[in-house]
PDB file of N, CA and C in Angstrom:
ATOM      1  N   MET A   1     -23.337 -12.263  -9.471  1.00  0.00           N
ATOM      2  CA  MET A   1     -22.692 -13.467 -10.060  1.00  0.00           C
ATOM      3  C   MET A   1     -23.442 -14.293 -10.638  1.00  0.00           C
ATOM      4  N   ASP A   2     -23.076 -14.093 -11.818  1.00  0.00           N
ATOM      5  CA  ASP A   2     -23.872 -15.296 -12.927  1.00  0.00           C
ATOM      6  C   ASP A   2     -22.817 -17.080 -12.450  1.00  0.00           C
ATOM      7  N   VAL A   3     -22.520 -17.908 -11.736  1.00  0.00           N
ATOM      8  CA  VAL A   3     -21.831 -18.788 -11.580  1.00  0.00           C
ATOM      9  C   VAL A   3     -22.824 -19.662 -13.001  1.00  0.00           C
ATOM     10  N   GLU A   4     -23.529 -19.924 -13.182  1.00  0.00           N
ATOM     11  CA  GLU A   4     -23.664 -21.071 -13.841  1.00  0.00           C
ATOM     12  C   GLU A   4     -22.803 -20.608 -15.795  1.00  0.00           C
ATOM     13  N   ARG A   5     -22.880 -19.338 -15.573  1.00  0.00           N
ATOM     14  CA  ARG A   5     -21.647 -18.592 -17.033  1.00  0.00           C
ATOM     15  C   ARG A   5     -20.243 -19.046 -16.709  1.00  0.00           C
ATOM     16  N   LEU A   6     -20.065 -18.650 -15.441  1.00  0.00           N
ATOM     17  CA  LEU A   6     -18.859 -18.941 -15.339  1.00  0.00           C
ATOM     18  C   LEU A   6     -18.485 -20.926 -15.401  1.00  0.00           C
ATOM     19  N   ALA A   7     -19.129 -21.605 -14.920  1.00  0.00           N
ATOM     20  CA  ALA A   7     -19.359 -23.126 -15.305  1.00  0.00           C
ATOM     21  C   ALA A   7     -19.404 -23.404 -16.454  1.00  0.00           C
ATOM     22  N   GLY A   8     -20.181 -22.838 -17.074  1.00  0.00           N
ATOM     23  CA  GLY A   8     -20.164 -23.025 -18.479  1.00  0.00           C
ATOM     24  C   GLY A   8     -18.923 -23.039 -19.475  1.00  0.00           C
ATOM     25  N   LEU A   9     -18.329 -21.427 -19.113  1.00  0.00           N
ATOM     26  CA  LEU A   9     -16.739 -20.947 -19.860  1.00  0.00           C
ATOM     27  C   LEU A   9     -15.772 -21.952 -19.659  1.00  0.00           C
ATOM     28  N   ALA A  10     -15.914 -22.155 -17.988  1.00  0.00           N
ATOM     29  CA  ALA A  10     -14.686 -23.275 -17.178  1.00  0.00           C
ATOM     30  C   ALA A  10     -14.565 -24.685 -18.110  1.00  0.00           C
ATOM     31  N   ARG A  11     -16.479 -25.352 -18.308  1.00  0.00           N
ATOM     32  CA  ARG A  11     -16.690 -26.572 -18.848  1.00  0.00           C
ATOM     33  C   ARG A  11     -16.989 -27.617 -17.895  1.00  0.00           C
ATOM     34  N   ILE A  12     -17.201 -27.015 -17.238  1.00  0.00           N
ATOM     35  CA  ILE A  12     -17.431 -27.793 -15.576  1.00  0.00           C
ATOM     36  C   ILE A  12     -18.934 -27.867 -15.226  1.00  0.00           C
ATOM     37  N   GLU A  13     -19.535 -29.125 -14.511  1.00  0.00           N
ATOM     38  CA  GLU A  13     -21.208 -28.838 -13.885  1.00  0.00           C
ATOM     39  C   GLU A  13     -20.639 -29.417 -12.707  1.00  0.00           C
ATOM     40  N   LEU A  14     -21.940 -27.727 -11.539  1.00  0.00           N
ATOM     41  CA  LEU A  14     -21.922 -28.362 -10.481  1.00  0.00           C
ATOM     42  C   LEU A  14     -22.898 -28.111  -9.725  1.00  0.00           C
ATOM     43  N   THR A  15     -22.853 -28.578  -9.023  1.00  0.00           N
ATOM     44  CA  THR A  15     -24.483 -29.357  -8.581  1.00  0.00           C
ATOM     45  C   THR A  15     -24.489 -27.960  -7.426  1.00  0.00           C
ATOM     46  N   VAL A  16     -26.217 -27.595  -7.202  1.00  0.00           N
ATOM     47  CA  VAL A  16     -26.937 -26.330  -6.537  1.00  0.00           C
ATOM     48  C   VAL A  16     -25.937 -26.237  -5.577  1.00  0.00           C
ATOM     49  N   GLN A  17     -25.400 -27.165  -4.778  1.00  0.00           N
ATOM     50  CA  GLN A  17     -24.921 -26.685  -3.212  1.00  0.00           C
ATOM     51  C   GLN A  17     -23.115 -25.768  -3.857  1.00  0.00           C
ATOM     52  N   GLU A  18     -22.401 -26.702  -5.103  1.00  0.00           N
ATOM     53  CA  GLU A  18     -21.064 -26.112  -5.416  1.00  0.00           C
ATOM     54  C   GLU A  18     -21.572 -25.214  -5.962  1.00  0.00           C
ATOM     55  N   LYS A  19     -22.505 -24.472  -6.823  1.00  0.00           N
ATOM     56  CA  LYS A  19     -22.987 -23.455  -6.827  1.00  0.00           C
ATOM     57  C   LYS A  19     -22.973 -22.618  -6.221  1.00  0.00           C
ATOM     58  N   GLU A  20     -24.091 -22.995  -4.876  1.00  0.00           N
ATOM     59  CA  GLU A  20     -24.392 -21.727  -3.972  1.00  0.00           C
ATOM     60  C   GLU A  20     -22.642 -21.617  -3.654  1.00  0.00           C
ATOM     61  N   SER A  21     -22.256 -22.041  -2.963  1.00  0.00           N
ATOM     62  CA  SER A  21     -20.596 -21.689  -2.393  1.00  0.00           C
ATOM     63  C   SER A  21     -19.689 -21.108  -3.222  1.00  0.00           C
ATOM     64  N   LEU A  22     -19.434 -21.661  -4.845  1.00  0.00           N
ATOM     65  CA  LEU A  22     -18.904 -20.535  -5.633  1.00  0.00           C
ATOM     66  C   LEU A  22     -19.619 -19.526  -5.011  1.00  0.00           C
ATOM     67  N   ALA A  23     -20.383 -19.028  -5.579  1.00  0.00           N
ATOM     68  CA  ALA A  23     -21.288 -17.433  -5.419  1.00  0.00           C
ATOM     69  C   ALA A  23     -20.583 -17.037  -4.387  1.00  0.00           C
ATOM     70  N   ARG A  24     -20.829 -17.640  -2.787  1.00  0.00           N
ATOM     71  CA  ARG A  24     -20.339 -16.940  -1.966  1.00  0.00           C
ATOM     72  C   ARG A  24     -18.773 -16.332  -1.972  1.00  0.00           C
ATOM     73  N   ASP A  25     -18.267 -17.931  -2.633  1.00  0.00           N
ATOM     74  CA  ASP A  25     -16.091 -17.399  -2.236  1.00  0.00           C
ATOM     75  C   ASP A  25     -16.013 -16.764  -3.193  1.00  0.00           C
ATOM     76  N   LEU A  26     -16.894 -16.394  -4.162  1.00  0.00           N
ATOM     77  CA  LEU A  26     -16.482 -15.452  -5.329  1.00  0.00           C
ATOM     78  C   LEU A  26     -17.002 -13.773  -4.806  1.00  0.00           C
ATOM     79  N   GLY A  27     -18.248 -14.161  -4.070  1.00  0.00           N
ATOM     80  CA  GLY A  27     -18.549 -12.253  -3.351  1.00  0.00           C
ATOM     81  C   GLY A  27     -17.449 -12.220  -2.383  1.00  0.00           C
ATOM     82  N   SER A  28     -17.196 -13.228  -1.298  1.00  0.00           N
ATOM     83  CA  SER A  28     -16.107 -12.869  -0.709  1.00  0.00           C
ATOM     84  C   SER A  28     -14.830 -12.252  -1.337  1.00  0.00           C
ATOM     85  N   ILE A  29     -14.541 -12.982  -2.495  1.00  0.00           N
ATOM     86  CA  ILE A  29     -13.374 -12.898  -3.054  1.00  0.00           C
ATOM     87  C   ILE A  29     -12.977 -11.452  -3.558  1.00  0.00           C
ATOM     88  N   ILE A  30     -14.038 -11.034  -4.739  1.00  0.00           N
ATOM     89  CA  ILE A  30     -14.297  -9.594  -4.704  1.00  0.00           C
ATOM     90  C   ILE A  30     -14.034  -8.447  -3.518  1.00  0.00           C
ATOM     91  N   ALA A  31     -15.108  -8.924  -2.780  1.00  0.00           N
ATOM     92  CA  ALA A  31     -14.765  -7.773  -1.664  1.00  0.00           C
ATOM     93  C   ALA A  31     -13.973  -7.500  -1.454  1.00  0.00           C
ATOM     94  N   TYR A  32     -13.276  -8.820  -1.168  1.00  0.00           N
ATOM     95  CA  TYR A  32     -11.506  -8.146  -0.689  1.00  0.00           C
ATOM     96  C   TYR A  32     -11.245  -7.651  -1.208  1.00  0.00           C
ATOM     97  N   VAL A  33     -10.623  -8.204  -2.955  1.00  0.00           N
ATOM     98  CA  VAL A  33      -9.673  -7.080  -3.752  1.00  0.00           C
ATOM     99  C   VAL A  33     -10.243  -5.852  -4.184  1.00  0.00           C
ATOM    100  N   SER A  34     -11.899  -6.086  -3.437  1.00  0.00           N
ATOM    101  CA  SER A  34     -11.957  -4.383  -3.740  1.00  0.00           C
ATOM    102  C   SER A  34     -11.479  -3.296  -2.687  1.00  0.00           C
ATOM    103  N   GLU A  35     -11.318  -4.117  -1.611  1.00  0.00           N
ATOM    104  CA  GLU A  35     -10.418  -3.376  -0.401  1.00  0.00           C
ATOM    105  C   GLU A  35      -9.833  -2.461  -0.873  1.00  0.00           C
ATOM    106  N   LEU A  36      -8.981  -2.983  -2.054  1.00  0.00           N
ATOM    107  CA  LEU A  36      -7.465  -2.783  -2.685  1.00  0.00           C
ATOM    108  C   LEU A  36      -7.428  -0.701  -3.319  1.00  0.00           C
ATOM    109  N   SER A  37      -9.003  -1.245  -3.443  1.00  0.00           N
ATOM    110  CA  SER A  37      -8.761   0.649  -4.013  1.00  0.00           C
ATOM    111  C   SER A  37      -8.695   1.400  -3.043  1.00  0.00           C
ATOM    112  N   SER A  38      -9.152   0.839  -1.742  1.00  0.00           N
ATOM    113  CA  SER A  38      -8.539   2.103  -0.573  1.00  0.00           C
ATOM    114  C   SER A  38      -7.088   2.102  -0.443  1.00  0.00           C
ATOM    115  N   VAL A  39      -6.664   1.719  -1.298  1.00  0.00           N
ATOM    116  CA  VAL A  39      -5.256   1.369  -0.170  1.00  0.00           C
ATOM    117  C   VAL A  39      -4.304   2.743  -0.521  1.00  0.00           C
ATOM    118  N   THR A  40      -3.614   3.604   0.087  1.00  0.00           N
ATOM    119  CA  THR A  40      -2.765   4.938  -0.225  1.00  0.00           C
ATOM    120  C   THR A  40      -1.308   4.229  -0.578  1.00  0.00           C
ATOM    121  N   VAL A  41      -1.102   4.619  -1.968  1.00  0.00           N
ATOM    122  CA  VAL A  41       0.075   4.096  -2.735  1.00  0.00           C
ATOM    123  C   VAL A  41       0.644   5.278  -2.672  1.00  0.00           C
ATOM    124  N   PRO A  42       2.073   5.293  -1.993  1.00  0.00           N
ATOM    125  CA  PRO A  42       3.298   6.217  -2.298  1.00  0.00           C
ATOM    126  C   PRO A  42       3.280   6.311  -4.866  1.00  0.00           C
ATOM    127  N   ASP A  43       3.809   7.493  -4.691  1.00  0.00           N
ATOM    128  CA  ASP A  43       4.436   7.381  -6.090  1.00  0.00           C
ATOM    129  C   ASP A  43       5.357   7.304  -6.994  1.00  0.00           C
ATOM    130  N   ALA A  44       6.280   6.909  -5.875  1.00  0.00           N
ATOM    131  CA  ALA A  44       7.755   6.213  -5.858  1.00  0.00           C
ATOM    132  C   ALA A  44       7.545   5.579  -4.501  1.00  0.00           C
ATOM    133  N   ILE A  45       8.537   4.925  -4.658  1.00  0.00           N
ATOM    134  CA  ILE A  45       9.258   3.901  -3.714  1.00  0.00           C
ATOM    135  C   ILE A  45      10.607   4.484  -3.556  1.00  0.00           C
ATOM    136  N   THR A  46      10.727   4.037  -2.491  1.00  0.00           N
ATOM    137  CA  THR A  46      12.103   4.469  -1.964  1.00  0.00           C
ATOM    138  C   THR A  46      12.964   3.618  -1.638  1.00  0.00           C
ATOM    139  N   VAL A  47      14.181   3.232  -1.853  1.00  0.00           N
ATOM    140  CA  VAL A  47      14.726   2.015  -1.586  1.00  0.00           C
ATOM    141  C   VAL A  47      15.846   2.533  -0.869  1.00  0.00           C
ATOM    142  N   PRO A  48      16.797   2.246  -0.060  1.00  0.00           N
ATOM    143  CA  PRO A  48      18.009   1.922   0.487  1.00  0.00           C
ATOM    144  C   PRO A  48      19.009   1.555  -0.050  1.00  0.00           C
ATOM    145  N   HIS A  49      19.856   2.681   0.659  1.00  0.00           N
ATOM    146  CA  HIS A  49      21.511   3.022  -0.369  1.00  0.00           C
ATOM    147  C   HIS A  49      21.259   2.892  -1.660  1.00  0.00           C
ATOM    148  N   GLY A  50      19.799   3.779  -2.715  1.00  0.00           N
ATOM    149  CA  GLY A  50      20.473   3.535  -3.651  1.00  0.00           C
ATOM    150  C   GLY A  50      19.536   2.779  -4.841  1.00  0.00           C
ATOM    151  N   GLY A  51      18.945   1.574  -4.324  1.00  0.00           N
ATOM    152  CA  GLY A  51      18.928   0.225  -5.051  1.00  0.00           C
ATOM    153  C   GLY A  51      17.659   0.471  -5.751  1.00  0.00           C
ATOM    154  N   SER A  52      17.741  -0.718  -6.491  1.00  0.00           N
ATOM    155  CA  SER A  52      15.850  -0.397  -7.070  1.00  0.00           C
ATOM    156  C   SER A  52      14.771  -0.969  -6.761  1.00  0.00           C
ATOM    157  N   PRO A  53      13.809  -0.963  -6.889  1.00  0.00           N
ATOM    158  CA  PRO A  53      12.624  -1.225  -6.492  1.00  0.00           C
ATOM    159  C   PRO A  53      12.829  -3.007  -6.565  1.00  0.00           C
ATOM    160  N   ALA A  54      13.282  -3.629  -7.636  1.00  0.00           N
ATOM    161  CA  ALA A  54      13.981  -5.054  -8.342  1.00  0.00           C
ATOM    162  C   ALA A  54      14.598  -5.193  -7.201  1.00  0.00           C
ATOM    163  N   SER A  55      15.529  -4.716  -6.563  1.00  0.00           N
ATOM    164  CA  SER A  55      16.155  -5.084  -5.366  1.00  0.00           C
ATOM    165  C   SER A  55      16.022  -6.068  -4.055  1.00  0.00           C
ATOM    166  N   ILE A  56      14.370  -5.119  -4.374  1.00  0.00           N
ATOM    167  CA  ILE A  56      13.907  -4.995  -2.412  1.00  0.00           C
ATOM    168  C   ILE A  56      13.726  -6.417  -2.136  1.00  0.00           C
ATOM    169  N   GLY A  57      14.714  -7.177  -0.953  1.00  0.00           N
ATOM    170  CA  GLY A  57      14.816  -8.621  -0.946  1.00  0.00           C
ATOM    171  C   GLY A  57      15.699  -9.330  -1.399  1.00  0.00           C
ATOM    172  N   GLY A  58      16.649  -8.717  -1.889  1.00  0.00           N
ATOM    173  CA  GLY A  58      17.306  -9.988  -1.751  1.00  0.00           C
ATOM    174  C   GLY A  58      18.204  -9.571  -3.052  1.00  0.00           C
ATOM    175  N   ALA A  59      19.703  -9.361  -3.113  1.00  0.00           N
ATOM    176  CA  ALA A  59      19.977  -9.538  -4.375  1.00  0.00           C
ATOM    177  C   ALA A  59      19.898  -9.484  -5.855  1.00  0.00           C
ATOM    178  N   SER A  60      19.674  -8.591  -6.827  1.00  0.00           N
ATOM    179  CA  SER A  60      19.447  -8.936  -8.325  1.00  0.00           C
ATOM    180  C   SER A  60      20.809  -9.563  -8.752  1.00  0.00           C
ATOM    181  N   THR A  61      20.637 -10.590  -9.894  1.00  0.00           N
ATOM    182  CA  THR A  61      21.392 -10.895 -10.717  1.00  0.00           C
ATOM    183  C   THR A  61      21.128 -11.620 -11.985  1.00  0.00           C
ATOM    184  N   ASN A  62      21.549 -11.378 -12.629  1.00  0.00           N
ATOM    185  CA  ASN A  62      21.685 -12.105 -14.249  1.00  0.00           C
ATOM    186  C   ASN A  62      21.432 -13.694 -14.260  1.00  0.00           C
ATOM    187  N   THR A  63      20.241 -13.789 -15.033  1.00  0.00           N
ATOM    188  CA  THR A  63      20.538 -15.292 -15.184  1.00  0.00           C
ATOM    189  C   THR A  63      20.745 -15.441 -16.587  1.00  0.00           C
ATOM    190  N   MET A  64      22.082 -16.434 -16.534  1.00  0.00           N
ATOM    191  CA  MET A  64      22.816 -16.573 -17.876  1.00  0.00           C
ATOM    192  C   MET A  64      22.362 -17.914 -18.069  1.00  0.00           C
ATOM    193  N   ARG A  65      21.942 -18.073 -20.088  1.00  0.00           N
ATOM    194  CA  ARG A  65      21.533 -19.345 -20.743  1.00  0.00           C
ATOM    195  C   ARG A  65      22.987 -19.688 -21.247  1.00  0.00           C
ATOM    196  N   GLU A  66      23.217 -21.472 -22.335  1.00  0.00           N
ATOM    197  CA  GLU A  66      24.032 -21.460 -23.042  1.00  0.00           C
ATOM    198  C   GLU A  66      23.750 -20.507 -24.259  1.00  0.00           C
ATOM    199  N   ASP A  67      24.851 -19.586 -25.005  1.00  0.00           N
ATOM    200  CA  ASP A  67      24.631 -19.306 -26.690  1.00  0.00           C
ATOM    201  C   ASP A  67      24.194 -19.912 -27.388  1.00  0.00           C
ATOM    202  N   ARG A  68      22.617 -20.228 -26.936  1.00  0.00           N
ATOM    203  CA  ARG A  68      22.096 -21.136 -28.771  1.00  0.00           C
ATOM    204  C   ARG A  68      21.058 -20.698 -28.798  1.00  0.00           C
ATOM    205  N   ASP A  69      20.712 -21.274 -30.054  1.00  0.00           N
ATOM    206  CA  ASP A  69      18.645 -20.555 -30.667  1.00  0.00           C
ATOM    207  C   ASP A  69      17.778 -21.361 -30.139  1.00  0.00           C
ATOM    208  N   ALA A  70      16.976 -20.312 -28.740  1.00  0.00           N
ATOM    209  CA  ALA A  70      16.262 -20.800 -27.814  1.00  0.00           C
ATOM    210  C   ALA A  70      15.023 -21.309 -28.587  1.00  0.00           C
ATOM    211  N   HIS A  71      15.260 -21.581 -29.669  1.00  0.00           N
ATOM    212  CA  HIS A  71      13.416 -21.433 -30.853  1.00  0.00           C
ATOM    213  C   HIS A  71      14.239 -22.198 -31.445  1.00  0.00           C
ATOM    214  N   GLU A  72      15.057 -22.913 -31.365  1.00  0.00           N
ATOM    215  CA  GLU A  72      14.933 -23.829 -32.737  1.00  0.00           C
ATOM    216  C   GLU A  72      14.435 -24.586 -33.354  1.00  0.00           C
ATOM    217  N   PRO A  73      13.578 -24.465 -34.757  1.00  0.00           N
ATOM    218  CA  PRO A  73      12.739 -25.365 -34.926  1.00  0.00           C
ATOM    219  C   PRO A  73      12.271 -26.916 -34.401  1.00  0.00           C
ATOM    220  N   GLY A  74      11.614 -27.393 -34.211  1.00  0.00           N
ATOM    221  CA  GLY A  74      11.773 -29.140 -34.075  1.00  0.00           C
ATOM    222  C   GLY A  74      12.216 -29.168 -32.524  1.00  0.00           C
ATOM    223  N   ILE A  75      12.901 -28.706 -32.042  1.00  0.00           N
ATOM    224  CA  ILE A  75      13.875 -29.268 -30.676  1.00  0.00           C
ATOM    225  C   ILE A  75      12.750 -29.748 -30.101  1.00  0.00           C
ATOM    226  N   PHE A  76      11.387 -29.933 -29.480  1.00  0.00           N
ATOM    227  CA  PHE A  76      10.892 -30.729 -28.376  1.00  0.00           C
ATOM    228  C   PHE A  76      10.127 -30.898 -29.214  1.00  0.00           C
ATOM    229  N   SER A  77      10.097 -31.027 -30.424  1.00  0.00           N
ATOM    230  CA  SER A  77       9.010 -31.989 -30.873  1.00  0.00           C
ATOM    231  C   SER A  77       8.671 -33.393 -31.031  1.00  0.00           C
ATOM    232  N   GLU A  78       9.264 -34.220 -30.951  1.00  0.00           N
ATOM    233  CA  GLU A  78       9.559 -35.242 -30.589  1.00  0.00           C
ATOM    234  C   GLU A  78       8.841 -35.898 -29.669  1.00  0.00           C
ATOM    235  N   ALA A  79       9.569 -34.988 -28.312  1.00  0.00           N
ATOM    236  CA  ALA A  79       8.640 -35.027 -27.072  1.00  0.00           C
ATOM    237  C   ALA A  79       7.825 -34.893 -26.889  1.00  0.00           C
ATOM    238  N   LEU A  80       7.328 -33.773 -27.577  1.00  0.00           N
ATOM    239  CA  LEU A  80       6.299 -33.473 -27.006  1.00  0.00           C
ATOM    240  C   LEU A  80       4.805 -34.074 -27.503  1.00  0.00           C
ATOM    241  N   LEU A  81       5.082 -34.627 -28.728  1.00  0.00           N
ATOM    242  CA  LEU A  81       4.113 -35.545 -29.368  1.00  0.00           C
ATOM    243  C   LEU A  81       3.729 -36.609 -29.113  1.00  0.00           C
ATOM    244  N   ALA A  82       5.317 -36.912 -28.240  1.00  0.00           N
ATOM    245  CA  ALA A  82       5.282 -38.767 -27.595  1.00  0.00           C
ATOM    246  C   ALA A  82       4.053 -38.295 -26.606  1.00  0.00           C
ATOM    247  N   MET A  83       4.237 -37.373 -26.182  1.00  0.00           N
ATOM    248  CA  MET A  83       3.725 -37.056 -24.929  1.00  0.00           C
ATOM    249  C   MET A  83       1.727 -36.370 -25.231  1.00  0.00           C
ATOM    250  N   ALA A  84       1.994 -36.407 -26.218  1.00  0.00           N
ATOM    251  CA  ALA A  84       0.557 -36.514 -26.306  1.00  0.00           C
ATOM    252  C   ALA A  84      -0.596 -37.356 -26.682  1.00  0.00           C
ATOM    253  N   PRO A  85      -1.708 -37.626 -25.799  1.00  0.00           N
ATOM    254  CA  PRO A  85      -2.710 -38.772 -26.214  1.00  0.00           C
ATOM    255  C   PRO A  85      -2.892 -38.556 -27.630  1.00  0.00           C
ATOM    256  N   ARG A  86      -3.237 -37.883 -28.335  1.00  0.00           N
ATOM    257  CA  ARG A  86      -3.258 -37.901 -29.422  1.00  0.00           C
ATOM    258  C   ARG A  86      -2.268 -36.780 -30.938  1.00  0.00           C
ATOM    259  N   ALA A  87      -1.597 -37.682 -31.821  1.00  0.00           N
ATOM    260  CA  ALA A  87      -0.868 -36.685 -32.305  1.00  0.00           C
ATOM    261  C   ALA A  87      -1.997 -36.479 -33.859  1.00  0.00           C
ATOM    262  N   LYS A  88      -1.297 -36.334 -35.161  1.00  0.00           N
ATOM    263  CA  LYS A  88      -1.756 -36.414 -36.038  1.00  0.00           C
ATOM    264  C   LYS A  88      -1.223 -35.890 -37.238  1.00  0.00           C
ATOM    265  N   GLY A  89       0.123 -35.774 -38.195  1.00  0.00           N
ATOM    266  CA  GLY A  89       0.263 -35.458 -39.229  1.00  0.00           C
ATOM    267  C   GLY A  89       1.486 -35.020 -38.764  1.00  0.00           C
ATOM    268  N   GLY A  90       2.315 -35.012 -37.410  1.00  0.00           N
ATOM    269  CA  GLY A  90       3.163 -34.075 -36.951  1.00  0.00           C
ATOM    270  C   GLY A  90       2.538 -33.122 -36.014  1.00  0.00           C
ATOM    271  N   ALA A  91       1.758 -33.243 -35.510  1.00  0.00           N
ATOM    272  CA  ALA A  91       1.135 -32.396 -34.395  1.00  0.00           C
ATOM    273  C   ALA A  91      -0.016 -32.469 -34.045  1.00  0.00           C
ATOM    274  N   ILE A  92       0.022 -32.011 -32.491  1.00  0.00           N
ATOM    275  CA  ILE A  92      -1.347 -32.361 -31.141  1.00  0.00           C
ATOM    276  C   ILE A  92      -2.513 -32.223 -31.934  1.00  0.00           C
ATOM    277  N   SER A  93      -3.288 -33.451 -32.120  1.00  0.00           N
ATOM    278  CA  SER A  93      -4.498 -33.587 -32.315  1.00  0.00           C
ATOM    279  C   SER A  93      -5.317 -32.899 -30.975  1.00  0.00           C
ATOM    280  N   VAL A  94      -6.556 -31.848 -31.143  1.00  0.00           N
ATOM    281  CA  VAL A  94      -7.359 -31.677 -29.606  1.00  0.00           C
ATOM    282  C   VAL A  94      -9.071 -32.176 -30.284  1.00  0.00           C
ATOM    283  N   LYS A  95      -9.931 -32.450 -29.053  1.00  0.00           N
ATOM    284  CA  LYS A  95     -10.877 -32.293 -29.338  1.00  0.00           C
ATOM    285  C   LYS A  95     -11.637 -30.744 -30.139  1.00  0.00           C
ATOM    286  N   LYS A  96     -12.770 -30.487 -30.552  1.00  0.00           N
ATOM    287  CA  LYS A  96     -13.089 -29.418 -30.426  1.00  0.00           C
ATOM    288  C   LYS A  96     -14.152 -29.214 -30.061  1.00  0.00           C
ATOM    289  N   ILE A  97     -13.899 -27.966 -29.355  1.00  0.00           N
ATOM    290  CA  ILE A  97     -14.734 -27.415 -28.456  1.00  0.00           C
ATOM    291  C   ILE A  97     -15.803 -26.315 -27.969  1.00  0.00           C
ATOM    292  N   ILE A  98     -15.243 -25.171 -29.214  1.00  0.00           N
ATOM    293  CA  ILE A  98     -15.920 -24.523 -30.013  1.00  0.00           C
ATOM    294  C   ILE A  98     -16.904 -24.546 -30.925  1.00  0.00           C
ATOM    295  N   THR A  99     -17.700 -24.537 -30.645  1.00  0.00           N
ATOM    296  CA  THR A  99     -18.936 -24.026 -32.039  1.00  0.00           C
ATOM    297  C   THR A  99     -19.699 -23.585 -32.174  1.00  0.00           C
ATOM    298  N   LYS A 100     -19.142 -22.193 -31.871  1.00  0.00           N
ATOM    299  CA  LYS A 100     -20.000 -20.790 -32.247  1.00  0.00           C
ATOM    300  C   LYS A 100     -18.718 -20.424 -33.627  1.00  0.00           C
TER     301      LYS A 100
END
């Protein structure tokens, strides 16, 4: 496990102890997830009373919303720009982090 590469991709600095701990933790997680390959899953899920798999555990209902254009341009622009640390020309300005 290349913990230093992962830390670089995540843009975080780790101490030697943190790297060792992270390597152990990730190894345990990968070992646990690899156990899933040994689990037998039936081809079809049987749901009582003719329901669908989505209805297991409770009733399935549609969620309705107000009938309007949810993607109306600029509807949230002012609020987003007001919360941004830096804005320029009506857009959020961010620090360049990709150098390649």
